[in-house]
Amino acid sequence: MDRLRTLIVEDDISIQKLYDRGLPNETFEKQFSKNGVDALSRYELWKPDIIILDIFLPEMTGYSILRKIRKEYGDSDTIIIMSTALKQGEHIWDCIQLGIQGYIVKPFRFKTIGTEVIKCYQSAGKKMTDINEAIRQALY
């Protein structure tokens, strides 16, 4: 298996850096986007395996991006993990109904974020059997 193509949609540079540090390059091929319009463009061109999606973004909310990917594009295969400082149940429930595979509450620890993303990926039924043992050890 090649590295997991991961689109990180986050407008806060400091949070982008945490993702960059916490998602090992051996496992994750990363692209970053700071706004919703750019995120959709990257999604269409790059077809990521995983999207980590902030809810509040410039130009288009993460919720709107999620809805567009799931409803308009009919894509239920891409793993989408919402990432936000919001903890209210209604936001989580709305996202779950649109088919997310995970929810990350910020702030998070960069040392554990790789493991959390892999768990979301695997819980969606995706297999990681082709990733070598060294990479697995780096994540767990």
N, C-alpha and C. Protein backbone atom coordinates (compact mmCIF):
# COMPACT_ATOMS: atom_id res chain seq x y z
N MET A 1 0.84 -1.19 0.00
CA MET A 1 0.00 0.00 0.00
C MET A 1 0.88 1.24 0.00
N ASP A 2 0.53 2.19 -0.80
CA ASP A 2 1.22 3.47 -0.76
C ASP A 2 0.78 4.22 0.49
N ARG A 3 1.37 5.36 0.67
CA ARG A 3 0.96 6.20 1.79
C ARG A 3 -0.49 6.63 1.60
N LEU A 4 -1.14 6.91 2.72
CA LEU A 4 -2.53 7.36 2.68
C LEU A 4 -2.58 8.82 2.29
N ARG A 5 -3.23 9.12 1.18
CA ARG A 5 -3.39 10.50 0.73
C ARG A 5 -4.35 11.19 1.69
N THR A 6 -3.84 12.19 2.41
CA THR A 6 -4.61 12.84 3.47
C THR A 6 -4.69 14.34 3.22
N LEU A 7 -5.90 14.81 3.03
CA LEU A 7 -6.16 16.23 2.85
C LEU A 7 -6.57 16.81 4.20
N ILE A 8 -5.80 17.77 4.68
CA ILE A 8 -6.06 18.40 5.97
C ILE A 8 -6.57 19.81 5.68
N VAL A 9 -7.83 20.03 6.05
CA VAL A 9 -8.48 21.30 5.77
C VAL A 9 -8.58 22.05 7.10
N GLU A 10 -7.69 23.01 7.27
CA GLU A 10 -7.55 23.73 8.55
C GLU A 10 -6.98 25.11 8.26
N ASP A 11 -7.65 26.15 8.74
CA ASP A 11 -7.18 27.50 8.48
C ASP A 11 -6.19 28.02 9.51
N ASP A 12 -6.03 27.35 10.63
CA ASP A 12 -5.09 27.77 11.67
C ASP A 12 -3.73 27.11 11.41
N ILE A 13 -2.73 27.93 11.13
CA ILE A 13 -1.39 27.42 10.79
C ILE A 13 -0.80 26.60 11.92
N SER A 14 -1.02 27.00 13.17
CA SER A 14 -0.46 26.25 14.29
C SER A 14 -1.06 24.84 14.38
N ILE A 15 -2.34 24.70 14.07
CA ILE A 15 -2.98 23.38 14.06
C ILE A 15 -2.47 22.57 12.86
N GLN A 16 -2.27 23.22 11.71
CA GLN A 16 -1.69 22.53 10.56
C GLN A 16 -0.33 21.94 10.92
N LYS A 17 0.47 22.69 11.66
CA LYS A 17 1.79 22.21 12.07
C LYS A 17 1.69 21.00 12.99
N LEU A 18 0.69 20.99 13.87
CA LEU A 18 0.48 19.82 14.74
C LEU A 18 0.15 18.58 13.91
N TYR A 19 -0.73 18.75 12.92
CA TYR A 19 -1.03 17.63 12.03
C TYR A 19 0.21 17.17 11.29
N ASP A 20 0.99 18.12 10.79
CA ASP A 20 2.19 17.78 10.04
C ASP A 20 3.17 16.99 10.90
N ARG A 21 3.32 17.40 12.15
CA ARG A 21 4.22 16.69 13.07
C ARG A 21 3.66 15.33 13.49
N GLY A 22 2.34 15.26 13.68
CA GLY A 22 1.72 14.06 14.24
C GLY A 22 1.38 12.98 13.25
N LEU A 23 1.33 13.30 11.97
CA LEU A 23 1.01 12.30 10.95
C LEU A 23 2.30 11.98 10.20
N PRO A 24 2.91 10.82 10.50
CA PRO A 24 4.23 10.49 9.94
C PRO A 24 4.24 10.43 8.41
N ASN A 25 5.26 11.01 7.84
CA ASN A 25 5.40 11.03 6.38
C ASN A 25 5.51 9.63 5.79
N GLU A 26 5.97 8.67 6.56
CA GLU A 26 6.08 7.29 6.07
C GLU A 26 4.71 6.68 5.79
N THR A 27 3.69 7.18 6.48
CA THR A 27 2.34 6.63 6.36
C THR A 27 1.39 7.56 5.62
N PHE A 28 1.56 8.86 5.79
CA PHE A 28 0.62 9.84 5.26
C PHE A 28 1.28 10.75 4.24
N GLU A 29 0.69 10.81 3.06
CA GLU A 29 1.05 11.82 2.07
C GLU A 29 0.06 12.96 2.28
N LYS A 30 0.54 14.12 2.68
CA LYS A 30 -0.34 15.19 3.15
C LYS A 30 -0.39 16.37 2.18
N GLN A 31 -1.59 16.91 2.07
CA GLN A 31 -1.80 18.21 1.45
C GLN A 31 -2.63 19.02 2.43
N PHE A 32 -2.39 20.33 2.45
CA PHE A 32 -3.09 21.22 3.36
C PHE A 32 -3.91 22.24 2.57
N SER A 33 -5.05 22.58 3.13
CA SER A 33 -5.90 23.60 2.55
C SER A 33 -6.39 24.51 3.67
N LYS A 34 -6.48 25.81 3.38
CA LYS A 34 -6.87 26.79 4.39
C LYS A 34 -8.31 27.25 4.26
N ASN A 35 -9.00 26.87 3.17
CA ASN A 35 -10.39 27.31 3.01
C ASN A 35 -11.19 26.26 2.25
N GLY A 36 -12.51 26.41 2.31
CA GLY A 36 -13.40 25.42 1.73
C GLY A 36 -13.34 25.29 0.22
N VAL A 37 -13.20 26.40 -0.49
CA VAL A 37 -13.17 26.37 -1.95
C VAL A 37 -11.92 25.62 -2.42
N ASP A 38 -10.77 25.96 -1.84
CA ASP A 38 -9.53 25.27 -2.19
C ASP A 38 -9.61 23.79 -1.83
N ALA A 39 -10.22 23.49 -0.69
CA ALA A 39 -10.34 22.09 -0.25
C ALA A 39 -11.12 21.26 -1.27
N LEU A 40 -12.23 21.78 -1.76
CA LEU A 40 -13.01 21.04 -2.76
C LEU A 40 -12.24 20.87 -4.06
N SER A 41 -11.49 21.87 -4.45
CA SER A 41 -10.67 21.77 -5.65
C SER A 41 -9.61 20.68 -5.49
N ARG A 42 -8.94 20.66 -4.35
CA ARG A 42 -7.92 19.63 -4.08
C ARG A 42 -8.56 18.24 -4.02
N TYR A 43 -9.74 18.16 -3.40
CA TYR A 43 -10.46 16.89 -3.33
C TYR A 43 -10.73 16.35 -4.75
N GLU A 44 -11.24 17.21 -5.60
CA GLU A 44 -11.59 16.78 -6.96
C GLU A 44 -10.37 16.35 -7.77
N LEU A 45 -9.27 17.06 -7.62
CA LEU A 45 -8.06 16.77 -8.40
C LEU A 45 -7.25 15.61 -7.83
N TRP A 46 -7.19 15.53 -6.51
CA TRP A 46 -6.25 14.60 -5.85
C TRP A 46 -6.90 13.32 -5.38
N LYS A 47 -8.18 13.30 -5.13
CA LYS A 47 -8.93 12.15 -4.63
C LYS A 47 -8.24 11.53 -3.40
N PRO A 48 -8.25 12.25 -2.28
CA PRO A 48 -7.58 11.74 -1.08
C PRO A 48 -8.29 10.52 -0.51
N ASP A 49 -7.54 9.72 0.25
CA ASP A 49 -8.11 8.59 0.98
C ASP A 49 -8.83 9.08 2.23
N ILE A 50 -8.26 10.13 2.85
CA ILE A 50 -8.76 10.67 4.11
C ILE A 50 -8.83 12.19 3.99
N ILE A 51 -9.91 12.75 4.55
CA ILE A 51 -10.01 14.20 4.68
C ILE A 51 -10.22 14.50 6.16
N ILE A 52 -9.35 15.34 6.71
CA ILE A 52 -9.53 15.85 8.07
C ILE A 52 -10.06 17.27 7.88
N LEU A 53 -11.25 17.51 8.40
CA LEU A 53 -12.02 18.69 8.00
C LEU A 53 -12.46 19.52 9.20
N ASP A 54 -11.93 20.73 9.30
CA ASP A 54 -12.38 21.68 10.31
C ASP A 54 -13.80 22.12 9.96
N ILE A 55 -14.59 22.47 10.96
CA ILE A 55 -15.97 22.89 10.68
C ILE A 55 -16.03 24.35 10.25
N PHE A 56 -15.32 25.23 10.96
CA PHE A 56 -15.38 26.66 10.64
C PHE A 56 -14.18 27.05 9.79
N LEU A 57 -14.47 27.36 8.53
CA LEU A 57 -13.44 27.71 7.55
C LEU A 57 -13.85 28.94 6.77
N PRO A 58 -12.88 29.66 6.21
CA PRO A 58 -13.23 30.76 5.30
C PRO A 58 -13.85 30.21 4.01
N GLU A 59 -14.73 30.98 3.43
CA GLU A 59 -15.34 30.76 2.12
C GLU A 59 -16.40 29.66 2.08
N MET A 60 -16.27 28.63 2.87
CA MET A 60 -17.25 27.54 2.88
C MET A 60 -17.00 26.72 4.15
N THR A 61 -18.03 26.39 4.90
CA THR A 61 -17.83 25.63 6.13
C THR A 61 -17.46 24.18 5.83
N GLY A 62 -16.84 23.55 6.80
CA GLY A 62 -16.54 22.13 6.68
C GLY A 62 -17.80 21.30 6.55
N TYR A 63 -18.85 21.72 7.23
CA TYR A 63 -20.12 21.02 7.12
C TYR A 63 -20.64 21.08 5.68
N SER A 64 -20.50 22.23 5.01
CA SER A 64 -20.93 22.36 3.61
C SER A 64 -20.08 21.47 2.70
N ILE A 65 -18.79 21.39 2.97
CA ILE A 65 -17.91 20.53 2.19
C ILE A 65 -18.32 19.07 2.37
N LEU A 66 -18.55 18.68 3.61
CA LEU A 66 -18.98 17.31 3.91
C LEU A 66 -20.27 16.99 3.15
N ARG A 67 -21.24 17.87 3.24
CA ARG A 67 -22.52 17.66 2.56
C ARG A 67 -22.33 17.54 1.05
N LYS A 68 -21.50 18.40 0.47
CA LYS A 68 -21.27 18.37 -0.97
C LYS A 68 -20.62 17.05 -1.40
N ILE A 69 -19.62 16.61 -0.66
CA ILE A 69 -18.92 15.36 -1.00
C ILE A 69 -19.86 14.17 -0.89
N ARG A 70 -20.63 14.13 0.17
CA ARG A 70 -21.51 12.97 0.39
C ARG A 70 -22.77 13.01 -0.48
N LYS A 71 -23.40 14.16 -0.58
CA LYS A 71 -24.69 14.25 -1.27
C LYS A 71 -24.54 14.54 -2.77
N GLU A 72 -23.81 15.59 -3.12
CA GLU A 72 -23.72 15.98 -4.53
C GLU A 72 -22.78 15.07 -5.32
N TYR A 73 -21.63 14.74 -4.73
CA TYR A 73 -20.69 13.88 -5.44
C TYR A 73 -20.98 12.40 -5.22
N GLY A 74 -21.80 12.08 -4.23
CA GLY A 74 -22.15 10.70 -3.96
C GLY A 74 -20.99 9.85 -3.48
N ASP A 75 -19.99 10.47 -2.88
CA ASP A 75 -18.79 9.78 -2.41
C ASP A 75 -18.98 9.32 -0.97
N SER A 76 -19.14 8.04 -0.79
CA SER A 76 -19.23 7.49 0.56
C SER A 76 -17.97 6.70 0.93
N ASP A 77 -16.99 6.65 0.04
CA ASP A 77 -15.76 5.88 0.28
C ASP A 77 -14.66 6.68 0.97
N THR A 78 -14.55 7.97 0.65
CA THR A 78 -13.50 8.77 1.26
C THR A 78 -13.76 8.87 2.76
N ILE A 79 -12.74 8.59 3.55
CA ILE A 79 -12.84 8.70 5.00
C ILE A 79 -12.81 10.18 5.36
N ILE A 80 -13.84 10.64 6.07
CA ILE A 80 -13.89 12.04 6.47
C ILE A 80 -13.95 12.10 8.00
N ILE A 81 -13.00 12.84 8.55
CA ILE A 81 -12.89 13.03 9.99
C ILE A 81 -13.07 14.52 10.27
N MET A 82 -14.08 14.87 11.03
CA MET A 82 -14.30 16.27 11.38
C MET A 82 -13.38 16.64 12.53
N SER A 83 -12.91 17.88 12.50
CA SER A 83 -11.99 18.37 13.52
C SER A 83 -12.45 19.76 13.94
N THR A 84 -12.75 19.92 15.23
CA THR A 84 -13.25 21.20 15.70
C THR A 84 -13.09 21.32 17.21
N ALA A 85 -13.17 22.53 17.69
CA ALA A 85 -13.15 22.76 19.13
C ALA A 85 -14.56 22.63 19.72
N LEU A 86 -15.56 22.51 18.85
CA LEU A 86 -16.95 22.36 19.32
C LEU A 86 -17.15 20.98 19.93
N LYS A 87 -17.90 20.95 21.03
CA LYS A 87 -18.18 19.67 21.66
C LYS A 87 -19.69 19.39 21.71
N GLN A 88 -20.49 20.30 21.18
CA GLN A 88 -21.93 20.15 21.24
C GLN A 88 -22.40 18.93 20.44
N GLY A 89 -23.29 18.18 21.04
CA GLY A 89 -23.79 16.96 20.43
C GLY A 89 -24.48 17.15 19.09
N GLU A 90 -25.18 18.28 18.91
CA GLU A 90 -25.92 18.45 17.65
C GLU A 90 -24.97 18.55 16.45
N HIS A 91 -23.80 19.15 16.63
CA HIS A 91 -22.83 19.23 15.53
C HIS A 91 -22.31 17.84 15.18
N ILE A 92 -22.00 17.08 16.20
CA ILE A 92 -21.51 15.72 15.98
C ILE A 92 -22.59 14.89 15.29
N TRP A 93 -23.81 14.98 15.78
CA TRP A 93 -24.90 14.18 15.22
C TRP A 93 -25.16 14.54 13.76
N ASP A 94 -25.16 15.83 13.43
CA ASP A 94 -25.36 16.25 12.04
C ASP A 94 -24.29 15.65 11.13
N CYS A 95 -23.05 15.67 11.60
CA CYS A 95 -21.94 15.13 10.80
C CYS A 95 -22.03 13.61 10.67
N ILE A 96 -22.41 12.94 11.74
CA ILE A 96 -22.56 11.48 11.71
C ILE A 96 -23.63 11.10 10.69
N GLN A 97 -24.71 11.84 10.65
CA GLN A 97 -25.78 11.54 9.71
C GLN A 97 -25.33 11.71 8.26
N LEU A 98 -24.32 12.52 8.02
CA LEU A 98 -23.78 12.70 6.67
C LEU A 98 -22.65 11.72 6.38
N GLY A 99 -22.31 10.86 7.33
CA GLY A 99 -21.38 9.78 7.04
C GLY A 99 -19.93 10.04 7.36
N ILE A 100 -19.65 10.69 8.49
CA ILE A 100 -18.24 10.82 8.88
C ILE A 100 -17.79 9.53 9.55
N GLN A 101 -16.47 9.33 9.55
CA GLN A 101 -15.90 8.16 10.20
C GLN A 101 -15.20 8.50 11.51
N GLY A 102 -15.12 9.79 11.84
CA GLY A 102 -14.48 10.16 13.09
C GLY A 102 -14.67 11.63 13.39
N TYR A 103 -14.34 11.99 14.63
CA TYR A 103 -14.51 13.34 15.11
C TYR A 103 -13.37 13.64 16.07
N ILE A 104 -12.55 14.61 15.74
CA ILE A 104 -11.41 14.99 16.58
C ILE A 104 -11.75 16.32 17.25
N VAL A 105 -11.63 16.35 18.58
CA VAL A 105 -11.87 17.58 19.32
C VAL A 105 -10.53 18.25 19.57
N LYS A 106 -10.44 19.52 19.17
CA LYS A 106 -9.23 20.31 19.40
C LYS A 106 -9.35 21.00 20.76
N PRO A 107 -8.28 21.17 21.46
CA PRO A 107 -6.91 20.83 21.06
C PRO A 107 -6.66 19.33 21.22
N PHE A 108 -5.74 18.81 20.44
CA PHE A 108 -5.36 17.41 20.51
C PHE A 108 -3.85 17.33 20.69
N ARG A 109 -3.38 16.15 21.07
CA ARG A 109 -1.94 15.94 21.22
C ARG A 109 -1.39 15.40 19.91
N PHE A 110 -0.38 16.05 19.39
CA PHE A 110 0.17 15.63 18.10
C PHE A 110 0.75 14.22 18.19
N LYS A 111 1.18 13.79 19.36
CA LYS A 111 1.78 12.46 19.50
C LYS A 111 0.77 11.33 19.31
N THR A 112 -0.51 11.63 19.49
CA THR A 112 -1.53 10.58 19.37
C THR A 112 -2.42 10.74 18.14
N ILE A 113 -2.27 11.81 17.40
CA ILE A 113 -3.20 12.07 16.30
C ILE A 113 -3.07 11.04 15.17
N GLY A 114 -1.87 10.56 14.91
CA GLY A 114 -1.69 9.53 13.88
C GLY A 114 -2.46 8.27 14.22
N THR A 115 -2.38 7.86 15.48
CA THR A 115 -3.12 6.68 15.93
C THR A 115 -4.62 6.89 15.80
N GLU A 116 -5.10 8.07 16.16
CA GLU A 116 -6.54 8.36 16.06
C GLU A 116 -7.02 8.31 14.61
N VAL A 117 -6.25 8.87 13.70
CA VAL A 117 -6.64 8.87 12.30
C VAL A 117 -6.65 7.44 11.75
N ILE A 118 -5.64 6.65 12.09
CA ILE A 118 -5.60 5.24 11.66
C ILE A 118 -6.78 4.47 12.22
N LYS A 119 -7.14 4.70 13.46
CA LYS A 119 -8.31 4.02 14.05
C LYS A 119 -9.58 4.35 13.28
N CYS A 120 -9.75 5.62 12.93
CA CYS A 120 -10.94 6.01 12.14
C CYS A 120 -10.93 5.32 10.78
N TYR A 121 -9.76 5.26 10.17
CA TYR A 121 -9.61 4.63 8.86
C TYR A 121 -9.97 3.14 8.95
N GLN A 122 -9.44 2.47 9.96
CA GLN A 122 -9.70 1.04 10.11
C GLN A 122 -11.13 0.76 10.54
N SER A 123 -11.72 1.64 11.35
CA SER A 123 -13.09 1.40 11.79
C SER A 123 -14.08 1.49 10.63
N ALA A 124 -13.66 2.12 9.55
CA ALA A 124 -14.49 2.21 8.35
C ALA A 124 -14.33 0.97 7.47
N GLY A 125 -13.58 0.00 7.97
CA GLY A 125 -13.41 -1.25 7.23
C GLY A 125 -12.24 -1.25 6.28
N LYS A 126 -11.43 -0.21 6.32
CA LYS A 126 -10.26 -0.14 5.45
C LYS A 126 -9.13 -0.94 6.08
N LYS A 127 -8.40 -1.65 5.27
CA LYS A 127 -7.32 -2.50 5.76
C LYS A 127 -5.98 -1.82 5.57
N MET A 128 -5.10 -2.06 6.51
CA MET A 128 -3.77 -1.48 6.46
C MET A 128 -2.72 -2.58 6.43
N THR A 129 -3.06 -3.73 5.90
CA THR A 129 -2.16 -4.88 5.94
C THR A 129 -0.88 -4.67 5.15
N ASP A 130 -0.88 -3.78 4.19
CA ASP A 130 0.30 -3.58 3.36
C ASP A 130 1.29 -2.58 3.94
N ILE A 131 0.92 -1.92 5.03
CA ILE A 131 1.87 -0.99 5.65
C ILE A 131 2.86 -1.81 6.47
N ASN A 132 4.13 -1.51 6.28
CA ASN A 132 5.14 -2.35 6.92
C ASN A 132 5.18 -2.17 8.43
N GLU A 133 5.82 -3.11 9.10
CA GLU A 133 5.87 -3.16 10.56
C GLU A 133 6.51 -1.92 11.17
N ALA A 134 7.50 -1.37 10.53
CA ALA A 134 8.17 -0.17 11.07
C ALA A 134 7.20 1.00 11.16
N ILE A 135 6.34 1.14 10.17
CA ILE A 135 5.38 2.23 10.19
C ILE A 135 4.34 1.99 11.29
N ARG A 136 3.87 0.76 11.42
CA ARG A 136 2.91 0.45 12.47
C ARG A 136 3.49 0.76 13.84
N GLN A 137 4.73 0.40 14.05
CA GLN A 137 5.37 0.67 15.34
C GLN A 137 5.50 2.16 15.59
N ALA A 138 5.74 2.93 14.55
CA ALA A 138 5.86 4.37 14.71
C ALA A 138 4.53 4.99 15.14
N LEU A 139 3.43 4.40 14.70
CA LEU A 139 2.11 4.94 15.03
C LEU A 139 1.59 4.48 16.37
N TYR A 140 1.95 3.27 16.80
CA TYR A 140 1.33 2.73 18.02
C TYR A 140 2.26 2.71 19.17
